[in-house]
Amino acid sequence: MLYNAQHEQTTTALVTAFTKQTGIVVKVDNDDEDVLTAKIEQEGARSPADVIFTENSNWLQQLADKGLLARVDSGTLAAIPSADNSTDGDWVGVSARVSALVYNTKDLTTAELPKSVLDLAEPKWKGKIEIAPSETDFWPVVSSVEDRYGHARALAWLEGLKSNAGANVVPDNETITADVNRGVAQLGVINQYYFERLKAETSGSSLRAGLAFFAPGDAGYLKTISGAAVLKSSAHSSAAQKLLAFLVSNTGQHTIAAGESFEYPLRAGVAPNRADTPLAQLSPSTFTPSEFGTGAEAKKLLQEAQLL
């Protein structure tokens, strides 16, 4: 059983390819990553899940810190750069995404765009931005700002975002991307693949959104990791480890690259989807999954700002 918090499109392609290669049938339970994490914590040793696959690494780290994950096979970990895996080997990175700005090209030129994520809290953006604070893809950005500038400045920044967004607080990145394209807001922070999906689904004349990155190394310019882990309570640990090995294999990583998820494969030598700018050409900050940890500080800050 796979508890899947990744986008269903991505996981369906991977599971189908895995079953075709191995003959192992995978049952999938889809839900949000916070929901599935809480479910595993409640179920404990009775959990029917063998593997959990999340969009963001903090949920895996939360389970690891509670001793609920098994160590990933060393060969599987070795297939992915160590910085993209758990420092203790409890989960493995599978794919990456990069945080970016989506903006309405009718309202803004590239020269007018903010260079730093901190700029979004300035009064000039009041009524022009849309935010999705409950979207867990946003939490690494919050953690990164706090890590670099401290708790007080990060909180003030969130309060500025809240004031600037006003009523434009939405549930997810899909909504931000669609709303910016429609002109409901002028810009917002998303992961880059949401824009690429919109672009793939939208005819040229109706695409009004554009994608841009913050200045190199900015606290809002992140590469974040989607990963997977085997539960310590798994009744099918051998098959579960085989699934993780497949996810980071050449076949699994090419499945990600060839699909329509527009996420970045992490295995060396596997090129991303042609719509994505290669990671080697990007300049995100050095903020890592280990620094992000469980995401507890991001959640605390968002609650203090009354955005959660």
C-alpha atoms as a PDB file:
ATOM      1  CA  MET A   1       0.000   0.000   0.000  1.00  0.00           C
ATOM      2  CA  LEU A   2       1.284   3.415  -1.008  1.00  0.00           C
ATOM      3  CA  TYR A   3       0.103   6.477   0.868  1.00  0.00           C
ATOM      4  CA  ASN A   4       0.422   9.078  -1.861  1.00  0.00           C
ATOM      5  CA  ALA A   5       0.545  12.817  -1.245  1.00  0.00           C
ATOM      6  CA  GLN A   6       2.272  13.556  -4.524  1.00  0.00           C
ATOM      7  CA  HIS A   7       0.271  14.736  -7.514  1.00  0.00           C
ATOM      8  CA  GLU A   8      -1.799  11.775  -8.665  1.00  0.00           C
ATOM      9  CA  GLN A   9      -0.712  12.264 -12.272  1.00  0.00           C
ATOM     10  CA  THR A  10       2.926  11.759 -11.317  1.00  0.00           C
ATOM     11  CA  THR A  11       2.284   8.777  -9.085  1.00  0.00           C
ATOM     12  CA  THR A  12      -0.021   6.986 -11.509  1.00  0.00           C
ATOM     13  CA  ALA A  13       2.657   7.067 -14.201  1.00  0.00           C
ATOM     14  CA  LEU A  14       5.315   5.805 -11.783  1.00  0.00           C
ATOM     15  CA  VAL A  15       3.213   3.027 -10.281  1.00  0.00           C
ATOM     16  CA  THR A  16       2.103   1.835 -13.712  1.00  0.00           C
ATOM     17  CA  ALA A  17       5.711   1.646 -14.905  1.00  0.00           C
ATOM     18  CA  PHE A  18       6.811  -0.095 -11.682  1.00  0.00           C
ATOM     19  CA  THR A  19       4.124  -2.777 -11.966  1.00  0.00           C
ATOM     20  CA  LYS A  20       4.955  -3.321 -15.621  1.00  0.00           C
ATOM     21  CA  GLN A  21       8.614  -3.852 -14.766  1.00  0.00           C
ATOM     22  CA  THR A  22       8.260  -5.915 -11.578  1.00  0.00           C
ATOM     23  CA  GLY A  23       4.776  -7.446 -11.613  1.00  0.00           C
ATOM     24  CA  ILE A  24       4.190  -6.007  -8.135  1.00  0.00           C
ATOM     25  CA  VAL A  25       0.739  -4.467  -7.793  1.00  0.00           C
ATOM     26  CA  VAL A  26       0.568  -1.294  -5.731  1.00  0.00           C
ATOM     27  CA  LYS A  27      -2.596  -0.128  -3.990  1.00  0.00           C
ATOM     28  CA  VAL A  28      -2.682   3.659  -3.678  1.00  0.00           C
ATOM     29  CA  ASP A  29      -4.392   5.826  -1.066  1.00  0.00           C
ATOM     30  CA  ASN A  30      -4.323   9.487  -2.169  1.00  0.00           C
ATOM     31  CA  ASP A  31      -4.636  12.423   0.214  1.00  0.00           C
ATOM     32  CA  ASP A  32      -2.860  15.596   1.321  1.00  0.00           C
ATOM     33  CA  GLU A  33       0.529  15.115   2.935  1.00  0.00           C
ATOM     34  CA  ASP A  34      -0.465  16.567   6.307  1.00  0.00           C
ATOM     35  CA  VAL A  35      -3.482  14.261   6.392  1.00  0.00           C
ATOM     36  CA  LEU A  36      -1.484  11.145   5.533  1.00  0.00           C
ATOM     37  CA  THR A  37       1.271  12.022   7.995  1.00  0.00           C
ATOM     38  CA  ALA A  38      -1.253  12.406  10.797  1.00  0.00           C
ATOM     39  CA  LYS A  39      -2.909   9.159   9.709  1.00  0.00           C
ATOM     40  CA  ILE A  40       0.355   7.228   9.969  1.00  0.00           C
ATOM     41  CA  GLU A  41       1.082   8.732  13.372  1.00  0.00           C
ATOM     42  CA  GLN A  42      -2.353   7.639  14.580  1.00  0.00           C
ATOM     43  CA  GLU A  43      -2.107   4.172  13.060  1.00  0.00           C
ATOM     44  CA  GLY A  44       1.378   3.475  14.359  1.00  0.00           C
ATOM     45  CA  ALA A  45       2.393  -0.164  13.989  1.00  0.00           C
ATOM     46  CA  ARG A  46      -1.109  -0.990  12.686  1.00  0.00           C
ATOM     47  CA  SER A  47      -0.746   1.157   9.564  1.00  0.00           C
ATOM     48  CA  PRO A  48      -1.625  -0.704   6.346  1.00  0.00           C
ATOM     49  CA  ALA A  49       0.794   1.572   4.456  1.00  0.00           C
ATOM     50  CA  ASP A  50       4.164   0.322   3.288  1.00  0.00           C
ATOM     51  CA  VAL A  51       5.428   3.477   1.555  1.00  0.00           C
ATOM     52  CA  ILE A  52       4.651   7.182   1.845  1.00  0.00           C
ATOM     53  CA  PHE A  53       5.383   9.573  -1.041  1.00  0.00           C
ATOM     54  CA  THR A  54       5.128  13.288  -0.271  1.00  0.00           C
ATOM     55  CA  GLU A  55       5.406  16.573  -2.138  1.00  0.00           C
ATOM     56  CA  ASN A  56       7.618  18.102   0.552  1.00  0.00           C
ATOM     57  CA  SER A  57      10.360  16.589   2.669  1.00  0.00           C
ATOM     58  CA  ASN A  58       9.275  18.015   6.016  1.00  0.00           C
ATOM     59  CA  TRP A  59       6.453  15.495   6.428  1.00  0.00           C
ATOM     60  CA  LEU A  60       8.891  12.631   5.931  1.00  0.00           C
ATOM     61  CA  GLN A  61      11.253  14.166   8.458  1.00  0.00           C
ATOM     62  CA  GLN A  62       8.406  14.476  10.936  1.00  0.00           C
ATOM     63  CA  LEU A  63       7.762  10.730  10.640  1.00  0.00           C
ATOM     64  CA  ALA A  64      11.495   9.990  10.818  1.00  0.00           C
ATOM     65  CA  ASP A  65      11.872  11.985  14.023  1.00  0.00           C
ATOM     66  CA  LYS A  66       9.107   9.874  15.571  1.00  0.00           C
ATOM     67  CA  GLY A  67      10.886   6.646  14.633  1.00  0.00           C
ATOM     68  CA  LEU A  68       8.233   5.500  12.169  1.00  0.00           C
ATOM     69  CA  LEU A  69      10.437   5.061   9.091  1.00  0.00           C
ATOM     70  CA  ALA A  70      12.787   2.259   8.069  1.00  0.00           C
ATOM     71  CA  ARG A  71      16.243   2.990   6.715  1.00  0.00           C
ATOM     72  CA  VAL A  72      16.297   3.210   2.918  1.00  0.00           C
ATOM     73  CA  ASP A  73      18.539   0.690   1.151  1.00  0.00           C
ATOM     74  CA  SER A  74      22.022   2.129   0.622  1.00  0.00           C
ATOM     75  CA  GLY A  75      21.950   1.554  -3.155  1.00  0.00           C
ATOM     76  CA  THR A  76      18.744   3.575  -3.425  1.00  0.00           C
ATOM     77  CA  LEU A  77      20.206   6.465  -1.427  1.00  0.00           C
ATOM     78  CA  ALA A  78      23.356   6.405  -3.545  1.00  0.00           C
ATOM     79  CA  ALA A  79      21.359   7.043  -6.719  1.00  0.00           C
ATOM     80  CA  ILE A  80      20.454  10.566  -5.530  1.00  0.00           C
ATOM     81  CA  PRO A  81      22.758  13.403  -4.382  1.00  0.00           C
ATOM     82  CA  SER A  82      23.154  13.167  -0.612  1.00  0.00           C
ATOM     83  CA  ALA A  83      21.950  16.749  -0.051  1.00  0.00           C
ATOM     84  CA  ASP A  84      18.568  15.733  -1.500  1.00  0.00           C
ATOM     85  CA  ASN A  85      18.115  12.795   0.909  1.00  0.00           C
ATOM     86  CA  SER A  86      17.527  12.434   4.608  1.00  0.00           C
ATOM     87  CA  THR A  87      20.745  12.965   6.534  1.00  0.00           C
ATOM     88  CA  ASP A  88      19.962   9.768   8.478  1.00  0.00           C
ATOM     89  CA  GLY A  89      18.939   7.716   5.440  1.00  0.00           C
ATOM     90  CA  ASP A  90      15.279   7.449   6.471  1.00  0.00           C
ATOM     91  CA  TRP A  91      13.875   8.837   3.213  1.00  0.00           C
ATOM     92  CA  VAL A  92      15.096   9.362  -0.327  1.00  0.00           C
ATOM     93  CA  GLY A  93      14.593  12.339  -2.624  1.00  0.00           C
ATOM     94  CA  VAL A  94      12.671  11.529  -5.799  1.00  0.00           C
ATOM     95  CA  SER A  95      12.069  14.812  -7.610  1.00  0.00           C
ATOM     96  CA  ALA A  96      12.545  18.542  -7.184  1.00  0.00           C
ATOM     97  CA  ARG A  97      10.710  21.747  -7.875  1.00  0.00           C
ATOM     98  CA  VAL A  98      11.845  25.373  -7.755  1.00  0.00           C
ATOM     99  CA  SER A  99       9.950  28.255  -6.180  1.00  0.00           C
ATOM    100  CA  ALA A 100       9.257  31.176  -8.482  1.00  0.00           C
ATOM    101  CA  LEU A 101       7.038  34.155  -9.229  1.00  0.00           C
ATOM    102  CA  VAL A 102       4.026  33.847 -11.469  1.00  0.00           C
ATOM    103  CA  TYR A 103       2.946  37.238 -12.779  1.00  0.00           C
ATOM    104  CA  ASN A 104       0.415  38.713 -15.168  1.00  0.00           C
ATOM    105  CA  THR A 105       2.262  39.884 -18.271  1.00  0.00           C
ATOM    106  CA  LYS A 106      -0.453  42.423 -19.102  1.00  0.00           C
ATOM    107  CA  ASP A 107       0.020  44.200 -15.777  1.00  0.00           C
ATOM    108  CA  LEU A 108       3.754  43.871 -15.157  1.00  0.00           C
ATOM    109  CA  THR A 109       6.993  43.851 -17.100  1.00  0.00           C
ATOM    110  CA  THR A 110       9.965  41.792 -15.999  1.00  0.00           C
ATOM    111  CA  ALA A 111      11.755  45.001 -15.000  1.00  0.00           C
ATOM    112  CA  GLU A 112       8.956  45.791 -12.537  1.00  0.00           C
ATOM    113  CA  LEU A 113       9.098  42.440 -10.755  1.00  0.00           C
ATOM    114  CA  PRO A 114      10.477  42.203  -7.206  1.00  0.00           C
ATOM    115  CA  LYS A 115      14.025  40.864  -6.921  1.00  0.00           C
ATOM    116  CA  SER A 116      13.505  39.370  -3.466  1.00  0.00           C
ATOM    117  CA  VAL A 117      10.662  37.532  -1.794  1.00  0.00           C
ATOM    118  CA  LEU A 118      10.945  40.100   1.018  1.00  0.00           C
ATOM    119  CA  ASP A 119       9.893  42.840  -1.422  1.00  0.00           C
ATOM    120  CA  LEU A 120       6.412  41.317  -1.627  1.00  0.00           C
ATOM    121  CA  ALA A 121       5.656  42.746   1.818  1.00  0.00           C
ATOM    122  CA  GLU A 122       6.272  46.309   0.632  1.00  0.00           C
ATOM    123  CA  PRO A 123       3.201  48.612   0.384  1.00  0.00           C
ATOM    124  CA  LYS A 124       3.576  48.927  -3.409  1.00  0.00           C
ATOM    125  CA  TRP A 125       2.175  45.393  -3.761  1.00  0.00           C
ATOM    126  CA  LYS A 126      -0.926  46.010  -1.666  1.00  0.00           C
ATOM    127  CA  GLY A 127      -3.959  44.561  -3.433  1.00  0.00           C
ATOM    128  CA  LYS A 128      -1.778  43.064  -6.148  1.00  0.00           C
ATOM    129  CA  ILE A 129      -0.622  39.735  -4.712  1.00  0.00           C
ATOM    130  CA  GLU A 130      -2.334  36.462  -3.929  1.00  0.00           C
ATOM    131  CA  ILE A 131      -1.054  34.004  -1.310  1.00  0.00           C
ATOM    132  CA  ALA A 132      -1.781  30.411  -0.285  1.00  0.00           C
ATOM    133  CA  PRO A 133      -0.432  30.084   3.279  1.00  0.00           C
ATOM    134  CA  SER A 134      -2.066  26.708   3.912  1.00  0.00           C
ATOM    135  CA  GLU A 135      -0.393  25.312   0.780  1.00  0.00           C
ATOM    136  CA  THR A 136       2.500  23.280   2.200  1.00  0.00           C
ATOM    137  CA  ASP A 137       4.620  24.146  -0.842  1.00  0.00           C
ATOM    138  CA  PHE A 138       4.829  27.646   0.675  1.00  0.00           C
ATOM    139  CA  TRP A 139       6.219  26.465   4.009  1.00  0.00           C
ATOM    140  CA  PRO A 140       9.826  25.945   2.826  1.00  0.00           C
ATOM    141  CA  VAL A 141       9.892  29.594   1.703  1.00  0.00           C
ATOM    142  CA  VAL A 142       8.742  30.676   5.165  1.00  0.00           C
ATOM    143  CA  SER A 143      11.407  28.497   6.806  1.00  0.00           C
ATOM    144  CA  SER A 144      14.070  29.858   4.474  1.00  0.00           C
ATOM    145  CA  VAL A 145      13.200  33.469   5.310  1.00  0.00           C
ATOM    146  CA  GLU A 146      13.258  32.673   9.034  1.00  0.00           C
ATOM    147  CA  ASP A 147      16.557  30.801   8.734  1.00  0.00           C
ATOM    148  CA  ARG A 148      18.244  33.744   7.020  1.00  0.00           C
ATOM    149  CA  TYR A 149      16.647  36.743   8.717  1.00  0.00           C
ATOM    150  CA  GLY A 150      15.390  35.485  12.060  1.00  0.00           C
ATOM    151  CA  HIS A 151      11.978  34.976  13.618  1.00  0.00           C
ATOM    152  CA  ALA A 152      11.011  38.624  14.129  1.00  0.00           C
ATOM    153  CA  ARG A 153      11.758  39.716  10.573  1.00  0.00           C
ATOM    154  CA  ALA A 154      10.083  36.638   9.107  1.00  0.00           C
ATOM    155  CA  LEU A 155       6.949  37.339  11.135  1.00  0.00           C
ATOM    156  CA  ALA A 156       6.896  40.981  10.047  1.00  0.00           C
ATOM    157  CA  TRP A 157       7.287  39.824   6.440  1.00  0.00           C
ATOM    158  CA  LEU A 158       4.318  37.461   6.755  1.00  0.00           C
ATOM    159  CA  GLU A 159       2.223  40.198   8.310  1.00  0.00           C
ATOM    160  CA  GLY A 160       3.115  42.412   5.345  1.00  0.00           C
ATOM    161  CA  LEU A 161       2.084  39.666   2.907  1.00  0.00           C
ATOM    162  CA  LYS A 162      -1.191  39.244   4.756  1.00  0.00           C
ATOM    163  CA  SER A 163      -1.917  42.958   4.574  1.00  0.00           C
ATOM    164  CA  ASN A 164      -1.005  43.153   0.885  1.00  0.00           C
ATOM    165  CA  ALA A 165      -3.084  40.119  -0.070  1.00  0.00           C
ATOM    166  CA  GLY A 166      -6.202  41.250   1.750  1.00  0.00           C
ATOM    167  CA  ALA A 167      -9.024  38.995   0.602  1.00  0.00           C
ATOM    168  CA  ASN A 168      -6.762  37.252  -1.927  1.00  0.00           C
ATOM    169  CA  VAL A 169      -5.896  34.324   0.364  1.00  0.00           C
ATOM    170  CA  VAL A 170      -6.519  31.067  -1.481  1.00  0.00           C
ATOM    171  CA  PRO A 171      -6.040  27.349  -0.773  1.00  0.00           C
ATOM    172  CA  ASP A 172      -3.339  26.321  -3.233  1.00  0.00           C
ATOM    173  CA  ASN A 173      -0.822  27.116  -5.942  1.00  0.00           C
ATOM    174  CA  GLU A 174      -3.165  26.000  -8.707  1.00  0.00           C
ATOM    175  CA  THR A 175      -5.561  28.773  -7.698  1.00  0.00           C
ATOM    176  CA  ILE A 176      -2.794  31.374  -7.553  1.00  0.00           C
ATOM    177  CA  THR A 177      -1.576  30.418 -11.010  1.00  0.00           C
ATOM    178  CA  ALA A 178      -5.056  30.459 -12.556  1.00  0.00           C
ATOM    179  CA  ASP A 179      -6.017  33.722 -10.839  1.00  0.00           C
ATOM    180  CA  VAL A 180      -2.864  35.513 -11.949  1.00  0.00           C
ATOM    181  CA  ASN A 181      -3.485  34.316 -15.483  1.00  0.00           C
ATOM    182  CA  ARG A 182      -7.034  35.707 -15.301  1.00  0.00           C
ATOM    183  CA  GLY A 183      -5.885  39.018 -13.841  1.00  0.00           C
ATOM    184  CA  VAL A 184      -7.487  38.527 -10.418  1.00  0.00           C
ATOM    185  CA  ALA A 185      -4.034  39.240  -8.960  1.00  0.00           C
ATOM    186  CA  GLN A 186      -0.842  40.521 -10.537  1.00  0.00           C
ATOM    187  CA  LEU A 187       1.595  38.050  -8.987  1.00  0.00           C
ATOM    188  CA  GLY A 188       2.186  35.260  -6.468  1.00  0.00           C
ATOM    189  CA  VAL A 189       4.774  32.747  -5.275  1.00  0.00           C
ATOM    190  CA  ILE A 190       4.425  29.211  -6.621  1.00  0.00           C
ATOM    191  CA  ASN A 191       6.544  26.234  -7.572  1.00  0.00           C
ATOM    192  CA  GLN A 192       7.550  26.476 -11.215  1.00  0.00           C
ATOM    193  CA  TYR A 193       5.715  23.380 -12.409  1.00  0.00           C
ATOM    194  CA  TYR A 194       2.291  24.902 -11.737  1.00  0.00           C
ATOM    195  CA  PHE A 195       3.026  27.493 -14.413  1.00  0.00           C
ATOM    196  CA  GLU A 196       4.352  24.880 -16.843  1.00  0.00           C
ATOM    197  CA  ARG A 197       1.157  22.857 -16.399  1.00  0.00           C
ATOM    198  CA  LEU A 198      -0.990  25.924 -17.038  1.00  0.00           C
ATOM    199  CA  LYS A 199       1.072  26.734 -20.113  1.00  0.00           C
ATOM    200  CA  ALA A 200       0.666  23.198 -21.458  1.00  0.00           C
ATOM    201  CA  GLU A 201      -3.091  23.330 -20.940  1.00  0.00           C
ATOM    202  CA  THR A 202      -3.705  26.873 -22.232  1.00  0.00           C
ATOM    203  CA  SER A 203      -3.869  28.148 -25.790  1.00  0.00           C
ATOM    204  CA  GLY A 204      -1.353  30.852 -26.652  1.00  0.00           C
ATOM    205  CA  SER A 205      -3.857  33.686 -26.904  1.00  0.00           C
ATOM    206  CA  SER A 206      -5.293  33.056 -23.436  1.00  0.00           C
ATOM    207  CA  LEU A 207      -1.963  32.624 -21.630  1.00  0.00           C
ATOM    208  CA  ARG A 208      -1.384  35.888 -19.810  1.00  0.00           C
ATOM    209  CA  ALA A 209       0.828  34.539 -17.032  1.00  0.00           C
ATOM    210  CA  GLY A 210       4.615  34.505 -17.048  1.00  0.00           C
ATOM    211  CA  LEU A 211       7.241  32.881 -14.858  1.00  0.00           C
ATOM    212  CA  ALA A 212      10.231  34.588 -13.244  1.00  0.00           C
ATOM    213  CA  PHE A 213      12.762  33.812 -10.546  1.00  0.00           C
ATOM    214  CA  PHE A 214      14.016  35.980  -7.715  1.00  0.00           C
ATOM    215  CA  ALA A 215      17.623  37.197  -7.659  1.00  0.00           C
ATOM    216  CA  PRO A 216      20.222  34.409  -7.401  1.00  0.00           C
ATOM    217  CA  GLY A 217      20.435  32.976  -3.913  1.00  0.00           C
ATOM    218  CA  ASP A 218      17.370  34.844  -2.622  1.00  0.00           C
ATOM    219  CA  ALA A 219      15.612  33.326   0.377  1.00  0.00           C
ATOM    220  CA  GLY A 220      12.491  32.879  -1.737  1.00  0.00           C
ATOM    221  CA  TYR A 221      14.332  31.093  -4.552  1.00  0.00           C
ATOM    222  CA  LEU A 222      14.426  27.452  -3.446  1.00  0.00           C
ATOM    223  CA  LYS A 223      14.891  23.968  -4.775  1.00  0.00           C
ATOM    224  CA  THR A 224      12.615  21.784  -2.676  1.00  0.00           C
ATOM    225  CA  ILE A 225      12.416  18.022  -2.581  1.00  0.00           C
ATOM    226  CA  SER A 226       9.625  15.501  -3.005  1.00  0.00           C
ATOM    227  CA  GLY A 227      10.579  12.186  -1.411  1.00  0.00           C
ATOM    228  CA  ALA A 228       9.506   8.739  -0.345  1.00  0.00           C
ATOM    229  CA  ALA A 229      10.071   6.388   2.573  1.00  0.00           C
ATOM    230  CA  VAL A 230       9.291   2.886   3.782  1.00  0.00           C
ATOM    231  CA  LEU A 231       7.356   2.574   7.017  1.00  0.00           C
ATOM    232  CA  LYS A 232       9.067   0.618   9.775  1.00  0.00           C
ATOM    233  CA  SER A 233       5.770  -1.243  10.294  1.00  0.00           C
ATOM    234  CA  SER A 234       5.534  -2.355   6.637  1.00  0.00           C
ATOM    235  CA  ALA A 235       4.359  -5.935   6.144  1.00  0.00           C
ATOM    236  CA  HIS A 236       5.894  -5.926   2.656  1.00  0.00           C
ATOM    237  CA  SER A 237       9.227  -4.245   3.286  1.00  0.00           C
ATOM    238  CA  SER A 238      11.078  -6.000   0.458  1.00  0.00           C
ATOM    239  CA  ALA A 239       8.547  -4.885  -2.169  1.00  0.00           C
ATOM    240  CA  ALA A 240       8.434  -1.434  -0.551  1.00  0.00           C
ATOM    241  CA  GLN A 241      12.191  -1.037  -0.869  1.00  0.00           C
ATOM    242  CA  LYS A 242      11.932  -2.158  -4.510  1.00  0.00           C
ATOM    243  CA  LEU A 243       9.405   0.615  -5.150  1.00  0.00           C
ATOM    244  CA  LEU A 244      11.754   3.224  -3.694  1.00  0.00           C
ATOM    245  CA  ALA A 245      14.623   1.831  -5.778  1.00  0.00           C
ATOM    246  CA  PHE A 246      12.435   2.097  -8.878  1.00  0.00           C
ATOM    247  CA  LEU A 247      11.487   5.714  -8.158  1.00  0.00           C
ATOM    248  CA  VAL A 248      15.145   6.747  -8.324  1.00  0.00           C
ATOM    249  CA  SER A 249      16.155   4.344 -11.110  1.00  0.00           C
ATOM    250  CA  ASN A 250      16.801   5.466 -14.659  1.00  0.00           C
ATOM    251  CA  THR A 251      13.366   4.219 -15.664  1.00  0.00           C
ATOM    252  CA  GLY A 252      11.600   5.915 -12.779  1.00  0.00           C
ATOM    253  CA  GLN A 253      13.430   9.202 -13.224  1.00  0.00           C
ATOM    254  CA  HIS A 254      12.841   9.216 -16.981  1.00  0.00           C
ATOM    255  CA  THR A 255       9.153   8.557 -16.263  1.00  0.00           C
ATOM    256  CA  ILE A 256       9.114  11.765 -14.221  1.00  0.00           C
ATOM    257  CA  ALA A 257      10.976  13.687 -16.932  1.00  0.00           C
ATOM    258  CA  ALA A 258       8.758  12.414 -19.744  1.00  0.00           C
ATOM    259  CA  GLY A 259       5.483  13.018 -17.921  1.00  0.00           C
ATOM    260  CA  GLU A 260       3.366  16.117 -17.578  1.00  0.00           C
ATOM    261  CA  SER A 261       4.202  16.848 -13.957  1.00  0.00           C
ATOM    262  CA  PHE A 262       7.086  19.189 -14.930  1.00  0.00           C
ATOM    263  CA  GLU A 263       9.042  18.240 -11.809  1.00  0.00           C
ATOM    264  CA  TYR A 264      12.798  17.795 -11.957  1.00  0.00           C
ATOM    265  CA  PRO A 265      14.300  14.295 -11.813  1.00  0.00           C
ATOM    266  CA  LEU A 266      17.144  14.119  -9.309  1.00  0.00           C
ATOM    267  CA  ARG A 267      19.244  11.288 -10.703  1.00  0.00           C
ATOM    268  CA  ALA A 268      22.402  12.472 -12.442  1.00  0.00           C
ATOM    269  CA  GLY A 269      22.252  12.248 -16.219  1.00  0.00           C
ATOM    270  CA  VAL A 270      18.450  12.382 -16.487  1.00  0.00           C
ATOM    271  CA  ALA A 271      17.372  15.557 -18.270  1.00  0.00           C
ATOM    272  CA  PRO A 272      14.169  17.307 -17.173  1.00  0.00           C
ATOM    273  CA  ASN A 273      11.112  17.957 -19.294  1.00  0.00           C
ATOM    274  CA  ARG A 274      12.055  20.279 -22.158  1.00  0.00           C
ATOM    275  CA  ALA A 275       9.664  22.906 -20.811  1.00  0.00           C
ATOM    276  CA  ASP A 276      11.726  23.234 -17.628  1.00  0.00           C
ATOM    277  CA  THR A 277      14.860  25.345 -17.425  1.00  0.00           C
ATOM    278  CA  PRO A 278      17.643  22.886 -16.478  1.00  0.00           C
ATOM    279  CA  LEU A 279      18.601  23.069 -12.817  1.00  0.00           C
ATOM    280  CA  ALA A 280      22.205  23.758 -13.787  1.00  0.00           C
ATOM    281  CA  GLN A 281      21.035  27.055 -15.302  1.00  0.00           C
ATOM    282  CA  LEU A 282      19.200  28.170 -12.147  1.00  0.00           C
ATOM    283  CA  SER A 283      20.622  29.830  -9.027  1.00  0.00           C
ATOM    284  CA  PRO A 284      18.461  28.955  -6.031  1.00  0.00           C
ATOM    285  CA  SER A 285      19.617  29.513  -2.462  1.00  0.00           C
ATOM    286  CA  THR A 286      21.574  26.858  -0.600  1.00  0.00           C
ATOM    287  CA  PHE A 287      18.725  26.215   1.874  1.00  0.00           C
ATOM    288  CA  THR A 288      18.477  22.430   2.217  1.00  0.00           C
ATOM    289  CA  PRO A 289      15.889  19.840   3.310  1.00  0.00           C
ATOM    290  CA  SER A 290      17.887  19.254   6.490  1.00  0.00           C
ATOM    291  CA  GLU A 291      17.589  22.967   7.338  1.00  0.00           C
ATOM    292  CA  PHE A 292      13.864  22.853   6.584  1.00  0.00           C
ATOM    293  CA  GLY A 293      13.508  19.923   8.989  1.00  0.00           C
ATOM    294  CA  THR A 294       9.943  19.119  10.005  1.00  0.00           C
ATOM    295  CA  GLY A 295       8.532  22.500   8.964  1.00  0.00           C
ATOM    296  CA  ALA A 296       7.447  23.184  12.558  1.00  0.00           C
ATOM    297  CA  GLU A 297       8.925  26.688  12.596  1.00  0.00           C
ATOM    298  CA  ALA A 298       7.142  27.623   9.369  1.00  0.00           C
ATOM    299  CA  LYS A 299       3.835  26.431  10.780  1.00  0.00           C
ATOM    300  CA  LYS A 300       4.428  28.367  14.008  1.00  0.00           C
ATOM    301  CA  LEU A 301       5.192  31.572  12.097  1.00  0.00           C
ATOM    302  CA  LEU A 302       2.127  31.225   9.894  1.00  0.00           C
ATOM    303  CA  GLN A 303      -0.029  30.696  12.974  1.00  0.00           C
ATOM    304  CA  GLU A 304       1.488  33.727  14.698  1.00  0.00           C
ATOM    305  CA  ALA A 305       0.666  35.803  11.628  1.00  0.00           C
ATOM    306  CA  GLN A 306      -2.872  34.378  11.761  1.00  0.00           C
ATOM    307  CA  LEU A 307      -2.501  32.927   8.290  1.00  0.00           C
ATOM    308  CA  LEU A 308      -3.300  29.405   9.503  1.00  0.00           C
END
